[in-house]
C-alpha atoms as a PDB file:
ATOM      1  CA  MET A   1     -50.827 -33.955 -26.986  1.00  0.00           C
ATOM      2  CA  LYS A   2     -49.588 -31.448 -24.447  1.00  0.00           C
ATOM      3  CA  ASP A   3     -52.889 -31.656 -22.539  1.00  0.00           C
ATOM      4  CA  ILE A   4     -52.704 -35.464 -22.425  1.00  0.00           C
ATOM      5  CA  ILE A   5     -49.214 -35.367 -20.930  1.00  0.00           C
ATOM      6  CA  LYS A   6     -50.338 -32.769 -18.399  1.00  0.00           C
ATOM      7  CA  HIS A   7     -53.198 -35.060 -17.385  1.00  0.00           C
ATOM      8  CA  ILE A   8     -50.814 -37.997 -16.948  1.00  0.00           C
ATOM      9  CA  PHE A   9     -48.440 -35.910 -14.848  1.00  0.00           C
ATOM     10  CA  SER A  10     -51.315 -34.718 -12.639  1.00  0.00           C
ATOM     11  CA  ALA A  11     -51.190 -38.124 -10.943  1.00  0.00           C
ATOM     12  CA  LEU A  12     -47.611 -37.430  -9.830  1.00  0.00           C
ATOM     13  CA  PRO A  13     -46.652 -35.258  -6.875  1.00  0.00           C
ATOM     14  CA  GLN A  14     -46.878 -31.586  -7.759  1.00  0.00           C
ATOM     15  CA  TRP A  15     -43.156 -30.856  -7.484  1.00  0.00           C
ATOM     16  CA  MET A  16     -42.266 -33.889  -9.588  1.00  0.00           C
ATOM     17  CA  SER A  17     -44.818 -33.288 -12.320  1.00  0.00           C
ATOM     18  CA  SER A  18     -43.891 -29.636 -12.801  1.00  0.00           C
ATOM     19  CA  ARG A  19     -40.201 -30.442 -13.086  1.00  0.00           C
ATOM     20  CA  LEU A  20     -40.664 -33.388 -15.457  1.00  0.00           C
ATOM     21  CA  PHE A  21     -43.087 -31.497 -17.659  1.00  0.00           C
ATOM     22  CA  GLY A  22     -40.766 -28.512 -17.871  1.00  0.00           C
ATOM     23  CA  LEU A  23     -37.766 -30.713 -18.597  1.00  0.00           C
ATOM     24  CA  ILE A  24     -39.442 -32.677 -21.403  1.00  0.00           C
ATOM     25  CA  PHE A  25     -40.512 -29.539 -23.222  1.00  0.00           C
ATOM     26  CA  THR A  26     -37.235 -27.717 -22.582  1.00  0.00           C
ATOM     27  CA  ILE A  27     -34.890 -30.319 -24.085  1.00  0.00           C
ATOM     28  CA  ARG A  28     -34.717 -29.910 -27.820  1.00  0.00           C
ATOM     29  CA  ALA A  29     -36.404 -32.668 -29.748  1.00  0.00           C
ATOM     30  CA  ALA A  30     -33.707 -32.507 -32.428  1.00  0.00           C
ATOM     31  CA  GLY A  31     -31.048 -33.380 -29.887  1.00  0.00           C
ATOM     32  CA  LEU A  32     -33.009 -36.329 -28.578  1.00  0.00           C
ATOM     33  CA  LEU A  33     -33.653 -37.585 -32.106  1.00  0.00           C
ATOM     34  CA  LEU A  34     -29.976 -37.229 -32.986  1.00  0.00           C
ATOM     35  CA  ALA A  35     -28.932 -39.218 -29.909  1.00  0.00           C
ATOM     36  CA  ALA A  36     -31.483 -41.941 -30.660  1.00  0.00           C
ATOM     37  CA  LEU A  37     -30.368 -42.231 -34.291  1.00  0.00           C
ATOM     38  CA  ALA A  38     -26.714 -42.335 -33.242  1.00  0.00           C
ATOM     39  CA  LEU A  39     -27.399 -45.097 -30.728  1.00  0.00           C
ATOM     40  CA  TRP A  40     -29.288 -47.081 -33.359  1.00  0.00           C
ATOM     41  CA  GLY A  41     -26.488 -46.491 -35.859  1.00  0.00           C
ATOM     42  CA  PHE A  42     -23.832 -47.691 -33.453  1.00  0.00           C
ATOM     43  CA  ALA A  43     -25.826 -50.855 -32.721  1.00  0.00           C
ATOM     44  CA  GLN A  44     -26.187 -51.575 -36.446  1.00  0.00           C
ATOM     45  CA  ILE A  45     -22.494 -51.032 -37.164  1.00  0.00           C
ATOM     46  CA  ALA A  46     -21.435 -53.111 -34.156  1.00  0.00           C
ATOM     47  CA  ASP A  47     -23.625 -55.976 -35.309  1.00  0.00           C
ATOM     48  CA  GLU A  48     -22.061 -55.915 -38.782  1.00  0.00           C
ATOM     49  CA  VAL A  49     -18.559 -55.769 -37.323  1.00  0.00           C
ATOM     50  CA  LEU A  50     -19.178 -58.726 -35.043  1.00  0.00           C
ATOM     51  CA  ASP A  51     -20.562 -60.745 -37.960  1.00  0.00           C
ATOM     52  CA  LYS A  52     -17.716 -59.511 -40.232  1.00  0.00           C
ATOM     53  CA  GLU A  53     -20.292 -58.353 -42.779  1.00  0.00           C
ATOM     54  CA  SER A  54     -18.524 -55.032 -43.309  1.00  0.00           C
ATOM     55  CA  GLN A  55     -15.064 -56.438 -44.044  1.00  0.00           C
ATOM     56  CA  PHE A  56     -15.355 -56.297 -47.833  1.00  0.00           C
ATOM     57  CA  ILE A  57     -16.558 -52.688 -48.059  1.00  0.00           C
ATOM     58  CA  ASP A  58     -14.150 -51.611 -45.325  1.00  0.00           C
ATOM     59  CA  THR A  59     -11.217 -53.047 -47.241  1.00  0.00           C
ATOM     60  CA  ALA A  60     -12.371 -51.625 -50.576  1.00  0.00           C
ATOM     61  CA  ILE A  61     -12.637 -48.092 -49.161  1.00  0.00           C
ATOM     62  CA  LEU A  62      -9.198 -48.200 -47.560  1.00  0.00           C
ATOM     63  CA  LEU A  63      -7.547 -49.524 -50.709  1.00  0.00           C
ATOM     64  CA  ALA A  64      -9.219 -46.761 -52.732  1.00  0.00           C
ATOM     65  CA  LEU A  65      -7.837 -44.149 -50.333  1.00  0.00           C
ATOM     66  CA  GLN A  66      -4.408 -45.765 -50.448  1.00  0.00           C
ATOM     67  CA  ARG A  67      -4.240 -45.064 -54.180  1.00  0.00           C
ATOM     68  CA  LEU A  68      -4.499 -41.333 -53.393  1.00  0.00           C
ATOM     69  CA  HIS A  69      -1.327 -41.297 -51.296  1.00  0.00           C
ATOM     70  CA  THR A  70       1.307 -38.685 -52.098  1.00  0.00           C
ATOM     71  CA  PRO A  71       4.165 -37.384 -49.918  1.00  0.00           C
ATOM     72  CA  LEU A  72       2.437 -34.000 -49.571  1.00  0.00           C
ATOM     73  CA  LEU A  73      -0.936 -35.494 -48.681  1.00  0.00           C
ATOM     74  CA  ASP A  74       0.783 -37.809 -46.202  1.00  0.00           C
ATOM     75  CA  ARG A  75       2.122 -34.781 -44.330  1.00  0.00           C
ATOM     76  CA  VAL A  76      -1.239 -32.991 -44.479  1.00  0.00           C
ATOM     77  CA  MET A  77      -3.147 -35.970 -43.099  1.00  0.00           C
ATOM     78  CA  THR A  78      -0.561 -36.572 -40.406  1.00  0.00           C
ATOM     79  CA  GLY A  79      -0.984 -32.958 -39.343  1.00  0.00           C
ATOM     80  CA  ILE A  80      -4.779 -33.218 -39.314  1.00  0.00           C
ATOM     81  CA  THR A  81      -4.797 -36.420 -37.292  1.00  0.00           C
ATOM     82  CA  PHE A  82      -2.662 -34.651 -34.647  1.00  0.00           C
ATOM     83  CA  PHE A  83      -5.722 -32.559 -33.734  1.00  0.00           C
ATOM     84  CA  GLY A  84      -7.343 -35.766 -32.481  1.00  0.00           C
ATOM     85  CA  GLU A  85      -4.420 -36.885 -30.317  1.00  0.00           C
ATOM     86  CA  PRO A  86      -5.418 -37.420 -26.664  1.00  0.00           C
ATOM     87  CA  GLU A  87      -2.541 -35.282 -25.347  1.00  0.00           C
ATOM     88  CA  LEU A  88      -3.587 -32.289 -27.427  1.00  0.00           C
ATOM     89  CA  LEU A  89      -7.256 -32.742 -26.525  1.00  0.00           C
ATOM     90  CA  VAL A  90      -6.362 -32.756 -22.817  1.00  0.00           C
ATOM     91  CA  ILE A  91      -4.472 -29.473 -23.208  1.00  0.00           C
ATOM     92  CA  ILE A  92      -7.363 -27.928 -25.143  1.00  0.00           C
ATOM     93  CA  CYS A  93      -9.879 -29.081 -22.520  1.00  0.00           C
ATOM     94  CA  LEU A  94      -7.813 -27.733 -19.648  1.00  0.00           C
ATOM     95  CA  GLY A  95      -7.333 -24.388 -21.348  1.00  0.00           C
ATOM     96  CA  PHE A  96     -10.979 -24.000 -22.313  1.00  0.00           C
ATOM     97  CA  ALA A  97     -12.186 -25.158 -18.891  1.00  0.00           C
ATOM     98  CA  ALA A  98      -9.919 -22.593 -17.212  1.00  0.00           C
ATOM     99  CA  TRP A  99     -11.396 -19.888 -19.439  1.00  0.00           C
ATOM    100  CA  LEU A 100     -14.920 -20.964 -18.466  1.00  0.00           C
ATOM    101  CA  VAL A 101     -14.051 -20.873 -14.759  1.00  0.00           C
ATOM    102  CA  VAL A 102     -12.640 -17.353 -15.116  1.00  0.00           C
ATOM    103  CA  ARG A 103     -15.917 -16.316 -16.744  1.00  0.00           C
ATOM    104  CA  GLY A 104     -17.847 -17.814 -13.827  1.00  0.00           C
ATOM    105  CA  ASN A 105     -19.220 -20.790 -15.771  1.00  0.00           C
ATOM    106  CA  ARG A 106     -18.130 -23.539 -13.403  1.00  0.00           C
ATOM    107  CA  SER A 107     -20.970 -25.890 -14.344  1.00  0.00           C
ATOM    108  CA  GLN A 108     -19.975 -25.665 -18.008  1.00  0.00           C
ATOM    109  CA  ALA A 109     -16.330 -26.316 -17.153  1.00  0.00           C
ATOM    110  CA  THR A 110     -17.343 -29.330 -15.069  1.00  0.00           C
ATOM    111  CA  THR A 111     -19.481 -30.680 -17.886  1.00  0.00           C
ATOM    112  CA  LEU A 112     -16.594 -30.357 -20.333  1.00  0.00           C
ATOM    113  CA  GLY A 113     -14.327 -32.279 -17.975  1.00  0.00           C
ATOM    114  CA  ILE A 114     -16.871 -35.046 -17.417  1.00  0.00           C
ATOM    115  CA  ALA A 115     -17.579 -35.281 -21.147  1.00  0.00           C
ATOM    116  CA  SER A 116     -13.893 -35.579 -22.031  1.00  0.00           C
ATOM    117  CA  LEU A 117     -12.894 -38.069 -19.333  1.00  0.00           C
ATOM    118  CA  GLY A 118     -16.049 -40.083 -19.913  1.00  0.00           C
ATOM    119  CA  ALA A 119     -15.366 -40.274 -23.650  1.00  0.00           C
ATOM    120  CA  VAL A 120     -11.854 -41.609 -23.056  1.00  0.00           C
ATOM    121  CA  GLY A 121     -13.038 -44.184 -20.537  1.00  0.00           C
ATOM    122  CA  LEU A 122     -15.983 -45.298 -22.654  1.00  0.00           C
ATOM    123  CA  ASN A 123     -13.795 -45.627 -25.724  1.00  0.00           C
ATOM    124  CA  TYR A 124     -11.312 -47.897 -23.951  1.00  0.00           C
ATOM    125  CA  LEU A 125     -14.195 -49.959 -22.581  1.00  0.00           C
ATOM    126  CA  LEU A 126     -15.677 -50.439 -26.054  1.00  0.00           C
ATOM    127  CA  LYS A 127     -12.291 -51.281 -27.555  1.00  0.00           C
ATOM    128  CA  ASP A 128     -11.795 -53.995 -24.936  1.00  0.00           C
ATOM    129  CA  LEU A 129     -15.309 -55.282 -25.527  1.00  0.00           C
ATOM    130  CA  PHE A 130     -14.973 -55.673 -29.305  1.00  0.00           C
ATOM    131  CA  ALA A 131     -11.195 -56.306 -29.471  1.00  0.00           C
ATOM    132  CA  ARG A 132     -11.044 -55.666 -33.217  1.00  0.00           C
ATOM    133  CA  ASP A 133      -7.643 -55.742 -34.882  1.00  0.00           C
ATOM    134  CA  ARG A 134      -6.472 -52.705 -36.802  1.00  0.00           C
ATOM    135  CA  PRO A 135      -6.080 -52.791 -40.603  1.00  0.00           C
ATOM    136  CA  ALA A 136      -2.758 -54.048 -41.916  1.00  0.00           C
ATOM    137  CA  LEU A 137      -3.160 -53.427 -45.631  1.00  0.00           C
ATOM    138  CA  TRP A 138       0.099 -51.468 -46.100  1.00  0.00           C
ATOM    139  CA  ASP A 139       3.052 -50.121 -44.139  1.00  0.00           C
ATOM    140  CA  ARG A 140       1.716 -47.321 -41.969  1.00  0.00           C
ATOM    141  CA  ILE A 141       3.573 -44.042 -41.496  1.00  0.00           C
ATOM    142  CA  VAL A 142       2.182 -43.473 -37.976  1.00  0.00           C
ATOM    143  CA  ASP A 143       2.494 -45.617 -34.881  1.00  0.00           C
ATOM    144  CA  VAL A 144      -0.727 -46.967 -33.371  1.00  0.00           C
ATOM    145  CA  ARG A 145      -1.515 -49.293 -30.507  1.00  0.00           C
ATOM    146  CA  TYR A 146      -4.477 -50.933 -28.878  1.00  0.00           C
ATOM    147  CA  TYR A 147      -7.643 -52.141 -30.582  1.00  0.00           C
ATOM    148  CA  SER A 148      -9.416 -50.532 -33.505  1.00  0.00           C
ATOM    149  CA  PHE A 149     -13.174 -50.395 -32.794  1.00  0.00           C
ATOM    150  CA  PRO A 150     -14.467 -47.767 -32.302  1.00  0.00           C
ATOM    151  CA  SER A 151     -12.011 -45.086 -33.400  1.00  0.00           C
ATOM    152  CA  GLY A 152     -10.792 -43.133 -30.392  1.00  0.00           C
ATOM    153  CA  HIS A 153      -9.820 -40.133 -32.512  1.00  0.00           C
ATOM    154  CA  ALA A 154     -13.287 -39.974 -34.065  1.00  0.00           C
ATOM    155  CA  MET A 155     -15.193 -40.572 -30.827  1.00  0.00           C
ATOM    156  CA  ILE A 156     -13.202 -38.332 -28.495  1.00  0.00           C
ATOM    157  CA  SER A 157     -12.898 -35.551 -31.072  1.00  0.00           C
ATOM    158  CA  MET A 158     -16.657 -35.648 -31.545  1.00  0.00           C
ATOM    159  CA  VAL A 159     -17.182 -35.252 -27.812  1.00  0.00           C
ATOM    160  CA  VAL A 160     -14.462 -32.700 -27.029  1.00  0.00           C
ATOM    161  CA  TYR A 161     -14.819 -30.442 -30.052  1.00  0.00           C
ATOM    162  CA  GLY A 162     -18.591 -30.915 -30.037  1.00  0.00           C
ATOM    163  CA  ALA A 163     -18.831 -29.903 -26.373  1.00  0.00           C
ATOM    164  CA  ILE A 164     -16.554 -26.915 -26.923  1.00  0.00           C
ATOM    165  CA  ALA A 165     -18.641 -25.837 -29.916  1.00  0.00           C
ATOM    166  CA  TYR A 166     -21.850 -26.146 -27.884  1.00  0.00           C
ATOM    167  CA  LEU A 167     -20.395 -24.068 -25.041  1.00  0.00           C
ATOM    168  CA  LEU A 168     -19.010 -21.467 -27.442  1.00  0.00           C
ATOM    169  CA  ILE A 169     -22.443 -21.098 -29.018  1.00  0.00           C
ATOM    170  CA  LYS A 170     -23.990 -20.613 -25.581  1.00  0.00           C
ATOM    171  CA  ASN A 171     -21.530 -17.790 -24.922  1.00  0.00           C
ATOM    172  CA  PHE A 172     -21.235 -16.356 -28.438  1.00  0.00           C
ATOM    173  CA  GLY A 173     -24.519 -17.138 -30.159  1.00  0.00           C
ATOM    174  CA  LYS A 174     -24.012 -14.713 -33.034  1.00  0.00           C
ATOM    175  CA  TRP A 175     -21.058 -16.800 -34.250  1.00  0.00           C
ATOM    176  CA  SER A 176     -23.022 -20.056 -34.172  1.00  0.00           C
ATOM    177  CA  ASN A 177     -22.911 -20.763 -37.920  1.00  0.00           C
ATOM    178  CA  LEU A 178     -19.137 -20.295 -38.132  1.00  0.00           C
ATOM    179  CA  ILE A 179     -18.610 -22.392 -35.001  1.00  0.00           C
ATOM    180  CA  ILE A 180     -20.761 -25.248 -36.327  1.00  0.00           C
ATOM    181  CA  ILE A 181     -19.167 -25.289 -39.792  1.00  0.00           C
ATOM    182  CA  THR A 182     -15.634 -25.178 -38.392  1.00  0.00           C
ATOM    183  CA  THR A 183     -16.333 -27.914 -35.844  1.00  0.00           C
ATOM    184  CA  VAL A 184     -17.991 -30.253 -38.327  1.00  0.00           C
ATOM    185  CA  ALA A 185     -15.159 -29.769 -40.834  1.00  0.00           C
ATOM    186  CA  LEU A 186     -12.520 -30.462 -38.170  1.00  0.00           C
ATOM    187  CA  ILE A 187     -14.202 -33.599 -36.814  1.00  0.00           C
ATOM    188  CA  PHE A 188     -14.819 -34.970 -40.312  1.00  0.00           C
ATOM    189  CA  SER A 189     -11.229 -34.262 -41.357  1.00  0.00           C
ATOM    190  CA  ILE A 190      -9.851 -36.091 -38.327  1.00  0.00           C
ATOM    191  CA  GLY A 191     -11.927 -39.168 -39.138  1.00  0.00           C
ATOM    192  CA  LEU A 192     -10.894 -39.053 -42.790  1.00  0.00           C
ATOM    193  CA  SER A 193      -7.228 -38.777 -41.807  1.00  0.00           C
ATOM    194  CA  ARG A 194      -7.488 -42.003 -39.795  1.00  0.00           C
ATOM    195  CA  LEU A 195      -8.764 -43.802 -42.874  1.00  0.00           C
ATOM    196  CA  TYR A 196      -6.181 -42.256 -45.174  1.00  0.00           C
ATOM    197  CA  LEU A 197      -3.398 -43.308 -42.814  1.00  0.00           C
ATOM    198  CA  GLY A 198      -4.769 -46.852 -42.737  1.00  0.00           C
ATOM    199  CA  VAL A 199      -5.049 -47.085 -38.947  1.00  0.00           C
ATOM    200  CA  HIS A 200      -8.814 -47.627 -38.813  1.00  0.00           C
ATOM    201  CA  TRP A 201     -11.536 -49.351 -40.768  1.00  0.00           C
ATOM    202  CA  PRO A 202     -14.317 -47.042 -42.036  1.00  0.00           C
ATOM    203  CA  THR A 203     -16.805 -48.709 -39.677  1.00  0.00           C
ATOM    204  CA  ASP A 204     -14.452 -47.879 -36.776  1.00  0.00           C
ATOM    205  CA  VAL A 205     -14.726 -44.194 -37.586  1.00  0.00           C
ATOM    206  CA  LEU A 206     -18.497 -44.255 -38.149  1.00  0.00           C
ATOM    207  CA  ALA A 207     -19.016 -46.115 -34.881  1.00  0.00           C
ATOM    208  CA  GLY A 208     -16.741 -43.627 -33.120  1.00  0.00           C
ATOM    209  CA  TYR A 209     -18.834 -40.741 -34.378  1.00  0.00           C
ATOM    210  CA  ALA A 210     -22.064 -42.475 -33.337  1.00  0.00           C
ATOM    211  CA  ALA A 211     -20.850 -43.344 -29.843  1.00  0.00           C
ATOM    212  CA  GLY A 212     -19.444 -39.844 -29.468  1.00  0.00           C
ATOM    213  CA  ILE A 213     -22.765 -38.245 -30.365  1.00  0.00           C
ATOM    214  CA  VAL A 214     -24.623 -40.378 -27.818  1.00  0.00           C
ATOM    215  CA  TRP A 215     -22.228 -39.439 -25.007  1.00  0.00           C
ATOM    216  CA  LEU A 216     -22.082 -35.793 -26.103  1.00  0.00           C
ATOM    217  CA  MET A 217     -25.865 -35.489 -26.084  1.00  0.00           C
ATOM    218  CA  THR A 218     -26.004 -37.156 -22.671  1.00  0.00           C
ATOM    219  CA  CYS A 219     -23.587 -34.587 -21.258  1.00  0.00           C
ATOM    220  CA  ILE A 220     -25.405 -31.673 -22.879  1.00  0.00           C
ATOM    221  CA  PHE A 221     -28.765 -32.841 -21.531  1.00  0.00           C
ATOM    222  CA  SER A 222     -27.209 -33.234 -18.078  1.00  0.00           C
ATOM    223  CA  LEU A 223     -25.928 -29.657 -18.209  1.00  0.00           C
ATOM    224  CA  GLU A 224     -29.290 -28.340 -19.401  1.00  0.00           C
ATOM    225  CA  PHE A 225     -31.051 -30.233 -16.607  1.00  0.00           C
ATOM    226  CA  TRP A 226     -28.627 -28.889 -13.999  1.00  0.00           C
ATOM    227  CA  GLN A 227     -29.065 -25.314 -15.201  1.00  0.00           C
ATOM    228  CA  TYR A 228     -32.846 -25.808 -15.312  1.00  0.00           C
ATOM    229  CA  ARG A 229     -32.794 -26.939 -11.668  1.00  0.00           C
ATOM    230  CA  GLN A 230     -30.614 -23.995 -10.690  1.00  0.00           C
ATOM    231  CA  VAL A 231     -33.045 -21.547 -12.270  1.00  0.00           C
ATOM    232  CA  SER A 232     -36.042 -23.326 -10.732  1.00  0.00           C
ATOM    233  CA  ASN A 233     -34.480 -23.326  -7.264  1.00  0.00           C
ATOM    234  CA  SER A 234     -33.550 -19.655  -7.491  1.00  0.00           C
ATOM    235  CA  LYS A 235     -37.152 -18.781  -8.337  1.00  0.00           C
ATOM    236  CA  THR A 236     -38.522 -20.703  -5.332  1.00  0.00           C
ATOM    237  CA  VAL A 237     -36.216 -19.009  -2.822  1.00  0.00           C
ATOM    238  CA  ALA A 238     -37.829 -15.844  -1.525  1.00  0.00           C
ATOM    239  CA  PRO A 239     -35.541 -12.809  -1.274  1.00  0.00           C
ATOM    240  CA  SER A 240     -34.454 -11.971   2.271  1.00  0.00           C
ATOM    241  CA  GLU A 241     -36.173  -8.994   3.873  1.00  0.00           C
END
């Protein structure tokens, strides 16, 4: 298979073929597969939401969670959902980006900023596009505004915490397992808290995760491509005599 692709690329200009070939085999196949599955998943969920096919199961899940409500759990879930608030995520991004700049990783800091701002903008665009009303099955204990689909907390948390986890692993690889487990648990808990609090339908949260993964993978691939180009360019520049 590799030889076939090399033969195809031989028809391209030399500089283009070498770069494309290197890029294709540098990007991790797992990441590409994850992005493709997430995009497919979002399309499937969006189709069901538009046709209102998910309304019954969405309602049943929320009502089941509502039966678990206790004053203590209310406070716990309110605290967890705070970790997905846009204001807190902005502060976290600024602080982490500043740390990356101090370490000399400006491209990583830039990628984090683009990922975060892009996630916010894309989420608002999708909310306007679908204009889905939020659940109103009981009196909520938190204030919410704007449309429901996809969940901003789920989507933006996926992107911000996912990007931070990816960058932490690049800098502290030996802690990768702990970083991954902690990040997954945090993102999942934020999504669950939105359901428990009754401010999102389950399909809102799932779609938020899916859209977040697609944008996160796009930003990661962009960073990898940029760093690949930087390394390639540095190898082609001859040292001064």
